[in-house]
Amino acid sequence: MAVPDRTETADAPAGCRGCGADLADPATGASDAGAAWAQVWDIVPVVMEKVHWQLPRRRCGCCAKITTAVAPHAQAGSVVYGPNVNAAAVLLASEGNVPVERTATLMEALLGTPVSSGFVARALARLAQRLQAAGFDQAMKDALQAEEVQCGDETPVNVISNGTGPDGGAVPGAPHAVTIRTPDARLIWYAALGSRSSAAIAGLGVLEGWHGYLVRDDYAGWHQFATQLAGCSSAQPI
């Protein structure tokens, strides 16, 4: 039992579960017998809040330049979705691995927020740009290289069908995604590869010069690191 956010009192029982007597009728001799308890955990209704910001303007007495106040997450004259809507789109589409069109559908069904698939795609792109600007990839590589054990695996990624792009044209190579992570999934790094060649895997920059223990499958692309490792073991793909 958890500490509740609020407490409600249910209506008293109207009829006896044994004989069916009317428990609200004083003539039956019904009396108070204390109270039991139950907890119901649920999500409160999600409502999208539309906040209209008034943005005061001030004219400078020196240069006559007009400066407009700044609203959180928006520019003057714009209508935008806030950080919580963006976060929901990113979590559904990336962490949940849900296609952008279906993410938009779920956003409206679950959150009452009608967004377009284009908005979802842009939310993902904005996050990627900010992570890149913040040096996320290099920070993740540095963190993984400080670990004693890493797990690695690669898998093909087909956009429409093997060897074709969104326009149906041929795509050179065999696109792959690679995962490097710690055994406890505390650190997880995903990266795109043009192919799963040994050179492409080495080019990730995570295992070069690293001397820990590697858990991987028996794909030959991982064998190039064997001489520098403290040890390795084969495992099912992660």
C-alpha atoms as a PDB file:
ATOM      1  CA  MET A   1       0.000   0.000   0.000  1.00  0.00           C
ATOM      2  CA  ALA A   2       1.400   3.387  -1.015  1.00  0.00           C
ATOM      3  CA  VAL A   3       0.762   6.814   0.494  1.00  0.00           C
ATOM      4  CA  PRO A   4      -2.302   8.069  -1.420  1.00  0.00           C
ATOM      5  CA  ASP A   5      -2.574  11.391  -3.198  1.00  0.00           C
ATOM      6  CA  ARG A   6      -6.122  11.792  -1.948  1.00  0.00           C
ATOM      7  CA  THR A   7      -8.720   9.825  -0.004  1.00  0.00           C
ATOM      8  CA  GLU A   8     -12.341   9.211  -1.002  1.00  0.00           C
ATOM      9  CA  THR A   9     -15.133   7.532   0.929  1.00  0.00           C
ATOM     10  CA  ALA A  10     -17.354   5.074  -0.918  1.00  0.00           C
ATOM     11  CA  ASP A  11     -21.131   4.936  -0.455  1.00  0.00           C
ATOM     12  CA  ALA A  12     -22.118   2.622   2.394  1.00  0.00           C
ATOM     13  CA  PRO A  13     -23.433  -0.775   1.275  1.00  0.00           C
ATOM     14  CA  ALA A  14     -27.194  -0.751   0.751  1.00  0.00           C
ATOM     15  CA  GLY A  15     -27.928  -4.453   1.047  1.00  0.00           C
ATOM     16  CA  CYS A  16     -26.581  -7.343   3.124  1.00  0.00           C
ATOM     17  CA  ARG A  17     -24.431  -9.686   1.047  1.00  0.00           C
ATOM     18  CA  GLY A  18     -25.704 -12.562   3.176  1.00  0.00           C
ATOM     19  CA  CYS A  19     -29.488 -12.302   3.472  1.00  0.00           C
ATOM     20  CA  GLY A  20     -30.131  -9.235   1.318  1.00  0.00           C
ATOM     21  CA  ALA A  21     -31.571  -7.155   4.200  1.00  0.00           C
ATOM     22  CA  ASP A  22     -31.784  -3.383   3.746  1.00  0.00           C
ATOM     23  CA  LEU A  23     -28.749  -2.057   5.654  1.00  0.00           C
ATOM     24  CA  ALA A  24     -30.041   1.538   5.451  1.00  0.00           C
ATOM     25  CA  ASP A  25     -33.316   0.661   7.243  1.00  0.00           C
ATOM     26  CA  PRO A  26     -33.021   1.180  11.055  1.00  0.00           C
ATOM     27  CA  ALA A  27     -35.651  -1.476  11.544  1.00  0.00           C
ATOM     28  CA  THR A  28     -33.225  -4.188  10.442  1.00  0.00           C
ATOM     29  CA  GLY A  29     -30.848  -3.326  13.311  1.00  0.00           C
ATOM     30  CA  ALA A  30     -27.884  -2.622  10.991  1.00  0.00           C
ATOM     31  CA  SER A  31     -24.926  -0.991  12.728  1.00  0.00           C
ATOM     32  CA  ASP A  32     -21.541   0.465  11.882  1.00  0.00           C
ATOM     33  CA  ALA A  33     -18.800  -2.168  11.627  1.00  0.00           C
ATOM     34  CA  GLY A  34     -15.782   0.019  10.867  1.00  0.00           C
ATOM     35  CA  ALA A  35     -14.221   0.352   7.448  1.00  0.00           C
ATOM     36  CA  ALA A  36     -12.070  -1.605   5.017  1.00  0.00           C
ATOM     37  CA  TRP A  37      -9.839  -0.002   2.376  1.00  0.00           C
ATOM     38  CA  ALA A  38      -8.852  -0.269  -1.277  1.00  0.00           C
ATOM     39  CA  GLN A  39      -6.555   1.688  -3.571  1.00  0.00           C
ATOM     40  CA  VAL A  40      -7.107   2.499  -7.233  1.00  0.00           C
ATOM     41  CA  TRP A  41      -4.066   3.708  -9.196  1.00  0.00           C
ATOM     42  CA  ASP A  42      -4.970   5.520 -12.383  1.00  0.00           C
ATOM     43  CA  ILE A  43      -3.901   8.358 -14.643  1.00  0.00           C
ATOM     44  CA  VAL A  44      -5.777  11.623 -14.319  1.00  0.00           C
ATOM     45  CA  PRO A  45      -7.337  12.849 -17.586  1.00  0.00           C
ATOM     46  CA  VAL A  46      -4.714  14.424 -19.851  1.00  0.00           C
ATOM     47  CA  VAL A  47      -5.762  17.834 -21.158  1.00  0.00           C
ATOM     48  CA  MET A  48      -3.700  19.955 -23.519  1.00  0.00           C
ATOM     49  CA  GLU A  49      -3.402  23.446 -22.064  1.00  0.00           C
ATOM     50  CA  LYS A  50      -3.312  26.358 -24.517  1.00  0.00           C
ATOM     51  CA  VAL A  51      -1.568  29.310 -22.888  1.00  0.00           C
ATOM     52  CA  HIS A  52      -1.816  32.725 -24.561  1.00  0.00           C
ATOM     53  CA  TRP A  53       1.144  34.934 -23.645  1.00  0.00           C
ATOM     54  CA  GLN A  54       0.948  38.721 -23.699  1.00  0.00           C
ATOM     55  CA  LEU A  55       4.398  39.998 -24.622  1.00  0.00           C
ATOM     56  CA  PRO A  56       5.008  43.572 -23.467  1.00  0.00           C
ATOM     57  CA  ARG A  57       7.125  45.780 -25.700  1.00  0.00           C
ATOM     58  CA  ARG A  58       9.343  48.657 -24.659  1.00  0.00           C
ATOM     59  CA  ARG A  59      10.850  51.368 -26.815  1.00  0.00           C
ATOM     60  CA  CYS A  60      14.370  52.437 -25.910  1.00  0.00           C
ATOM     61  CA  GLY A  61      14.729  56.111 -25.093  1.00  0.00           C
ATOM     62  CA  CYS A  62      18.270  56.163 -26.509  1.00  0.00           C
ATOM     63  CA  CYS A  63      18.006  54.465 -29.897  1.00  0.00           C
ATOM     64  CA  ALA A  64      14.209  54.068 -30.241  1.00  0.00           C
ATOM     65  CA  LYS A  65      14.652  50.320 -30.764  1.00  0.00           C
ATOM     66  CA  ILE A  66      11.598  48.278 -29.666  1.00  0.00           C
ATOM     67  CA  THR A  67      12.313  45.161 -27.593  1.00  0.00           C
ATOM     68  CA  THR A  68       9.647  42.482 -27.163  1.00  0.00           C
ATOM     69  CA  ALA A  69       9.386  40.222 -24.106  1.00  0.00           C
ATOM     70  CA  VAL A  70      10.213  36.557 -24.578  1.00  0.00           C
ATOM     71  CA  ALA A  71       7.705  33.764 -23.975  1.00  0.00           C
ATOM     72  CA  PRO A  72       8.905  30.329 -22.807  1.00  0.00           C
ATOM     73  CA  HIS A  73       9.650  28.070 -25.794  1.00  0.00           C
ATOM     74  CA  ALA A  74       8.081  30.444 -28.350  1.00  0.00           C
ATOM     75  CA  GLN A  75       8.736  33.521 -30.448  1.00  0.00           C
ATOM     76  CA  ALA A  76       6.398  36.466 -30.838  1.00  0.00           C
ATOM     77  CA  GLY A  77       3.587  35.766 -33.296  1.00  0.00           C
ATOM     78  CA  SER A  78       4.050  31.975 -33.233  1.00  0.00           C
ATOM     79  CA  VAL A  79       1.999  29.010 -32.064  1.00  0.00           C
ATOM     80  CA  VAL A  80       4.171  26.076 -30.973  1.00  0.00           C
ATOM     81  CA  TYR A  81       3.980  22.861 -28.998  1.00  0.00           C
ATOM     82  CA  GLY A  82       5.752  23.018 -25.648  1.00  0.00           C
ATOM     83  CA  PRO A  83       8.476  20.784 -24.192  1.00  0.00           C
ATOM     84  CA  ASN A  84       6.119  18.164 -22.744  1.00  0.00           C
ATOM     85  CA  VAL A  85       4.459  17.530 -26.109  1.00  0.00           C
ATOM     86  CA  ASN A  86       7.878  17.340 -27.779  1.00  0.00           C
ATOM     87  CA  ALA A  87       9.129  14.957 -25.090  1.00  0.00           C
ATOM     88  CA  ALA A  88       6.111  12.661 -25.544  1.00  0.00           C
ATOM     89  CA  ALA A  89       6.701  12.522 -29.305  1.00  0.00           C
ATOM     90  CA  VAL A  90      10.399  11.750 -28.865  1.00  0.00           C
ATOM     91  CA  LEU A  91       9.794   9.042 -26.259  1.00  0.00           C
ATOM     92  CA  LEU A  92       7.123   7.284 -28.297  1.00  0.00           C
ATOM     93  CA  ALA A  93       9.022   7.425 -31.579  1.00  0.00           C
ATOM     94  CA  SER A  94      12.530   6.646 -30.295  1.00  0.00           C
ATOM     95  CA  GLU A  95      12.316   4.789 -26.986  1.00  0.00           C
ATOM     96  CA  GLY A  96       9.129   3.028 -28.085  1.00  0.00           C
ATOM     97  CA  ASN A  97      10.435   2.501 -31.638  1.00  0.00           C
ATOM     98  CA  VAL A  98       7.060   3.595 -33.031  1.00  0.00           C
ATOM     99  CA  PRO A  99       6.878   4.927 -36.634  1.00  0.00           C
ATOM    100  CA  VAL A 100       6.287   8.677 -36.860  1.00  0.00           C
ATOM    101  CA  GLU A 101       2.819   8.321 -38.421  1.00  0.00           C
ATOM    102  CA  ARG A 102       1.679   5.971 -35.670  1.00  0.00           C
ATOM    103  CA  THR A 103       3.267   8.186 -33.031  1.00  0.00           C
ATOM    104  CA  ALA A 104       1.116  11.086 -34.238  1.00  0.00           C
ATOM    105  CA  THR A 105      -1.976   8.872 -34.033  1.00  0.00           C
ATOM    106  CA  LEU A 106      -1.116   7.743 -30.496  1.00  0.00           C
ATOM    107  CA  MET A 107      -0.418  11.321 -29.408  1.00  0.00           C
ATOM    108  CA  GLU A 108      -3.982  12.287 -30.320  1.00  0.00           C
ATOM    109  CA  ALA A 109      -5.573   9.105 -28.935  1.00  0.00           C
ATOM    110  CA  LEU A 110      -3.709   9.000 -25.599  1.00  0.00           C
ATOM    111  CA  LEU A 111      -2.954  12.656 -24.935  1.00  0.00           C
ATOM    112  CA  GLY A 112      -5.642  14.503 -26.866  1.00  0.00           C
ATOM    113  CA  THR A 113      -2.881  16.309 -28.771  1.00  0.00           C
ATOM    114  CA  PRO A 114      -3.436  16.316 -32.549  1.00  0.00           C
ATOM    115  CA  VAL A 115       0.044  16.535 -34.062  1.00  0.00           C
ATOM    116  CA  SER A 116       1.274  15.715 -37.562  1.00  0.00           C
ATOM    117  CA  SER A 117       3.832  13.091 -38.502  1.00  0.00           C
ATOM    118  CA  GLY A 118       5.974  15.996 -39.712  1.00  0.00           C
ATOM    119  CA  PHE A 119       5.984  17.472 -36.205  1.00  0.00           C
ATOM    120  CA  VAL A 120       7.137  14.136 -34.765  1.00  0.00           C
ATOM    121  CA  ALA A 121       9.953  13.898 -37.328  1.00  0.00           C
ATOM    122  CA  ARG A 122      11.053  17.476 -36.579  1.00  0.00           C
ATOM    123  CA  ALA A 123      10.989  16.816 -32.826  1.00  0.00           C
ATOM    124  CA  LEU A 124      13.375  13.919 -33.345  1.00  0.00           C
ATOM    125  CA  ALA A 125      15.585  16.002 -35.631  1.00  0.00           C
ATOM    126  CA  ARG A 126      15.740  18.868 -33.124  1.00  0.00           C
ATOM    127  CA  LEU A 127      16.783  16.496 -30.348  1.00  0.00           C
ATOM    128  CA  ALA A 128      19.461  14.946 -32.562  1.00  0.00           C
ATOM    129  CA  GLN A 129      20.831  18.389 -33.425  1.00  0.00           C
ATOM    130  CA  ARG A 130      20.972  19.438 -29.780  1.00  0.00           C
ATOM    131  CA  LEU A 131      22.651  16.198 -28.724  1.00  0.00           C
ATOM    132  CA  GLN A 132      25.206  16.627 -31.490  1.00  0.00           C
ATOM    133  CA  ALA A 133      25.861  20.242 -30.515  1.00  0.00           C
ATOM    134  CA  ALA A 134      26.322  19.180 -26.894  1.00  0.00           C
ATOM    135  CA  GLY A 135      28.909  16.534 -27.858  1.00  0.00           C
ATOM    136  CA  PHE A 136      26.727  13.624 -26.767  1.00  0.00           C
ATOM    137  CA  ASP A 137      28.319  10.986 -29.024  1.00  0.00           C
ATOM    138  CA  GLN A 138      31.852  11.730 -27.879  1.00  0.00           C
ATOM    139  CA  ALA A 139      30.757  11.851 -24.250  1.00  0.00           C
ATOM    140  CA  MET A 140      29.098   8.447 -24.647  1.00  0.00           C
ATOM    141  CA  LYS A 141      32.210   6.993 -26.317  1.00  0.00           C
ATOM    142  CA  ASP A 142      34.391   8.304 -23.502  1.00  0.00           C
ATOM    143  CA  ALA A 143      32.034   6.861 -20.885  1.00  0.00           C
ATOM    144  CA  LEU A 144      31.960   3.450 -22.593  1.00  0.00           C
ATOM    145  CA  GLN A 145      35.743   3.351 -22.911  1.00  0.00           C
ATOM    146  CA  ALA A 146      35.986   3.840 -19.145  1.00  0.00           C
ATOM    147  CA  GLU A 147      33.936   0.669 -18.587  1.00  0.00           C
ATOM    148  CA  GLU A 148      35.498  -2.731 -17.920  1.00  0.00           C
ATOM    149  CA  VAL A 149      32.892  -4.658 -19.948  1.00  0.00           C
ATOM    150  CA  GLN A 150      31.061  -3.702 -23.144  1.00  0.00           C
ATOM    151  CA  CYS A 151      28.477  -5.535 -25.243  1.00  0.00           C
ATOM    152  CA  GLY A 152      28.296  -5.037 -29.008  1.00  0.00           C
ATOM    153  CA  ASP A 153      25.933  -6.127 -31.764  1.00  0.00           C
ATOM    154  CA  GLU A 154      24.925  -4.975 -35.237  1.00  0.00           C
ATOM    155  CA  THR A 155      21.795  -5.506 -37.320  1.00  0.00           C
ATOM    156  CA  PRO A 156      20.673  -4.566 -40.846  1.00  0.00           C
ATOM    157  CA  VAL A 157      18.236  -1.686 -41.293  1.00  0.00           C
ATOM    158  CA  ASN A 158      16.002  -1.734 -44.375  1.00  0.00           C
ATOM    159  CA  VAL A 159      14.061   1.423 -45.203  1.00  0.00           C
ATOM    160  CA  ILE A 160      11.568  -0.176 -47.585  1.00  0.00           C
ATOM    161  CA  SER A 161      13.230  -3.320 -48.840  1.00  0.00           C
ATOM    162  CA  ASN A 162      16.771  -4.617 -48.921  1.00  0.00           C
ATOM    163  CA  GLY A 163      19.050  -2.260 -50.834  1.00  0.00           C
ATOM    164  CA  THR A 164      16.473   0.441 -51.606  1.00  0.00           C
ATOM    165  CA  GLY A 165      15.854   3.928 -50.253  1.00  0.00           C
ATOM    166  CA  PRO A 166      12.645   5.898 -49.640  1.00  0.00           C
ATOM    167  CA  ASP A 167      12.425   6.810 -53.349  1.00  0.00           C
ATOM    168  CA  GLY A 168      12.825   3.203 -54.435  1.00  0.00           C
ATOM    169  CA  GLY A 169      16.305   3.778 -55.822  1.00  0.00           C
ATOM    170  CA  ALA A 170      19.260   1.539 -55.129  1.00  0.00           C
ATOM    171  CA  VAL A 171      21.315   2.293 -52.035  1.00  0.00           C
ATOM    172  CA  PRO A 172      24.992   1.298 -52.082  1.00  0.00           C
ATOM    173  CA  GLY A 173      26.216  -0.965 -49.302  1.00  0.00           C
ATOM    174  CA  ALA A 174      24.095  -2.552 -46.631  1.00  0.00           C
ATOM    175  CA  PRO A 175      22.950  -0.045 -43.961  1.00  0.00           C
ATOM    176  CA  HIS A 176      23.236  -1.300 -40.403  1.00  0.00           C
ATOM    177  CA  ALA A 177      22.622  -0.063 -36.898  1.00  0.00           C
ATOM    178  CA  VAL A 178      25.071  -0.961 -34.130  1.00  0.00           C
ATOM    179  CA  THR A 179      24.535  -1.046 -30.380  1.00  0.00           C
ATOM    180  CA  ILE A 180      27.345  -0.702 -27.846  1.00  0.00           C
ATOM    181  CA  ARG A 181      26.269  -0.871 -24.213  1.00  0.00           C
ATOM    182  CA  THR A 182      27.181  -1.926 -20.709  1.00  0.00           C
ATOM    183  CA  PRO A 183      25.865  -5.311 -19.509  1.00  0.00           C
ATOM    184  CA  ASP A 184      23.464  -3.618 -17.099  1.00  0.00           C
ATOM    185  CA  ALA A 185      22.155  -1.286 -19.866  1.00  0.00           C
ATOM    186  CA  ARG A 186      23.256   1.720 -17.789  1.00  0.00           C
ATOM    187  CA  LEU A 187      24.948   3.123 -20.908  1.00  0.00           C
ATOM    188  CA  ILE A 188      23.468   2.404 -24.343  1.00  0.00           C
ATOM    189  CA  TRP A 189      24.835   3.934 -27.544  1.00  0.00           C
ATOM    190  CA  TYR A 190      23.248   3.458 -30.981  1.00  0.00           C
ATOM    191  CA  ALA A 191      25.007   4.408 -34.201  1.00  0.00           C
ATOM    192  CA  ALA A 192      24.337   4.090 -37.926  1.00  0.00           C
ATOM    193  CA  LEU A 193      26.744   2.210 -40.217  1.00  0.00           C
ATOM    194  CA  GLY A 194      26.912   2.294 -43.996  1.00  0.00           C
ATOM    195  CA  SER A 195      27.810  -1.387 -43.775  1.00  0.00           C
ATOM    196  CA  ARG A 196      28.954  -3.818 -41.116  1.00  0.00           C
ATOM    197  CA  SER A 197      32.453  -4.114 -42.519  1.00  0.00           C
ATOM    198  CA  SER A 198      35.391  -4.402 -40.144  1.00  0.00           C
ATOM    199  CA  ALA A 199      36.495  -0.907 -41.133  1.00  0.00           C
ATOM    200  CA  ALA A 200      33.047   0.534 -40.355  1.00  0.00           C
ATOM    201  CA  ILE A 201      32.946  -1.113 -36.926  1.00  0.00           C
ATOM    202  CA  ALA A 202      36.479   0.065 -36.141  1.00  0.00           C
ATOM    203  CA  GLY A 203      35.489   3.550 -37.288  1.00  0.00           C
ATOM    204  CA  LEU A 204      32.975   3.821 -34.446  1.00  0.00           C
ATOM    205  CA  GLY A 205      35.869   4.886 -32.235  1.00  0.00           C
ATOM    206  CA  VAL A 206      34.613   3.036 -29.177  1.00  0.00           C
ATOM    207  CA  LEU A 207      36.726  -0.123 -29.203  1.00  0.00           C
ATOM    208  CA  GLU A 208      39.938   1.293 -30.675  1.00  0.00           C
ATOM    209  CA  GLY A 209      42.560   1.280 -27.908  1.00  0.00           C
ATOM    210  CA  TRP A 210      40.125  -0.250 -25.411  1.00  0.00           C
ATOM    211  CA  HIS A 211      41.377  -3.222 -23.378  1.00  0.00           C
ATOM    212  CA  GLY A 212      38.369  -4.481 -21.452  1.00  0.00           C
ATOM    213  CA  TYR A 213      36.077  -7.473 -21.893  1.00  0.00           C
ATOM    214  CA  LEU A 214      33.803  -7.574 -24.957  1.00  0.00           C
ATOM    215  CA  VAL A 215      30.553  -9.555 -25.174  1.00  0.00           C
ATOM    216  CA  ARG A 216      29.567 -10.037 -28.832  1.00  0.00           C
ATOM    217  CA  ASP A 217      28.339 -12.601 -31.332  1.00  0.00           C
ATOM    218  CA  ASP A 218      30.752 -14.466 -33.583  1.00  0.00           C
ATOM    219  CA  TYR A 219      30.574 -12.054 -36.520  1.00  0.00           C
ATOM    220  CA  ALA A 220      34.079 -11.653 -37.977  1.00  0.00           C
ATOM    221  CA  GLY A 221      33.971  -7.862 -37.799  1.00  0.00           C
ATOM    222  CA  TRP A 222      34.472  -8.059 -34.026  1.00  0.00           C
ATOM    223  CA  HIS A 223      37.484 -10.379 -34.248  1.00  0.00           C
ATOM    224  CA  GLN A 224      39.849  -7.535 -35.184  1.00  0.00           C
ATOM    225  CA  PHE A 225      39.858  -6.385 -31.548  1.00  0.00           C
ATOM    226  CA  ALA A 226      40.719  -9.794 -30.053  1.00  0.00           C
ATOM    227  CA  THR A 227      44.436  -9.155 -29.559  1.00  0.00           C
ATOM    228  CA  GLN A 228      43.911  -5.931 -27.595  1.00  0.00           C
ATOM    229  CA  LEU A 229      41.130  -7.188 -25.319  1.00  0.00           C
ATOM    230  CA  ALA A 230      41.456  -8.591 -21.827  1.00  0.00           C
ATOM    231  CA  GLY A 231      38.886 -11.160 -22.914  1.00  0.00           C
ATOM    232  CA  CYS A 232      35.736 -11.704 -24.945  1.00  0.00           C
ATOM    233  CA  SER A 233      32.759 -14.016 -24.986  1.00  0.00           C
ATOM    234  CA  SER A 234      30.167 -14.916 -27.582  1.00  0.00           C
ATOM    235  CA  ALA A 235      26.535 -14.265 -26.763  1.00  0.00           C
ATOM    236  CA  GLN A 236      23.168 -13.964 -28.435  1.00  0.00           C
ATOM    237  CA  PRO A 237      22.561 -10.629 -30.209  1.00  0.00           C
ATOM    238  CA  ILE A 238      21.548  -7.797 -27.893  1.00  0.00           C
END
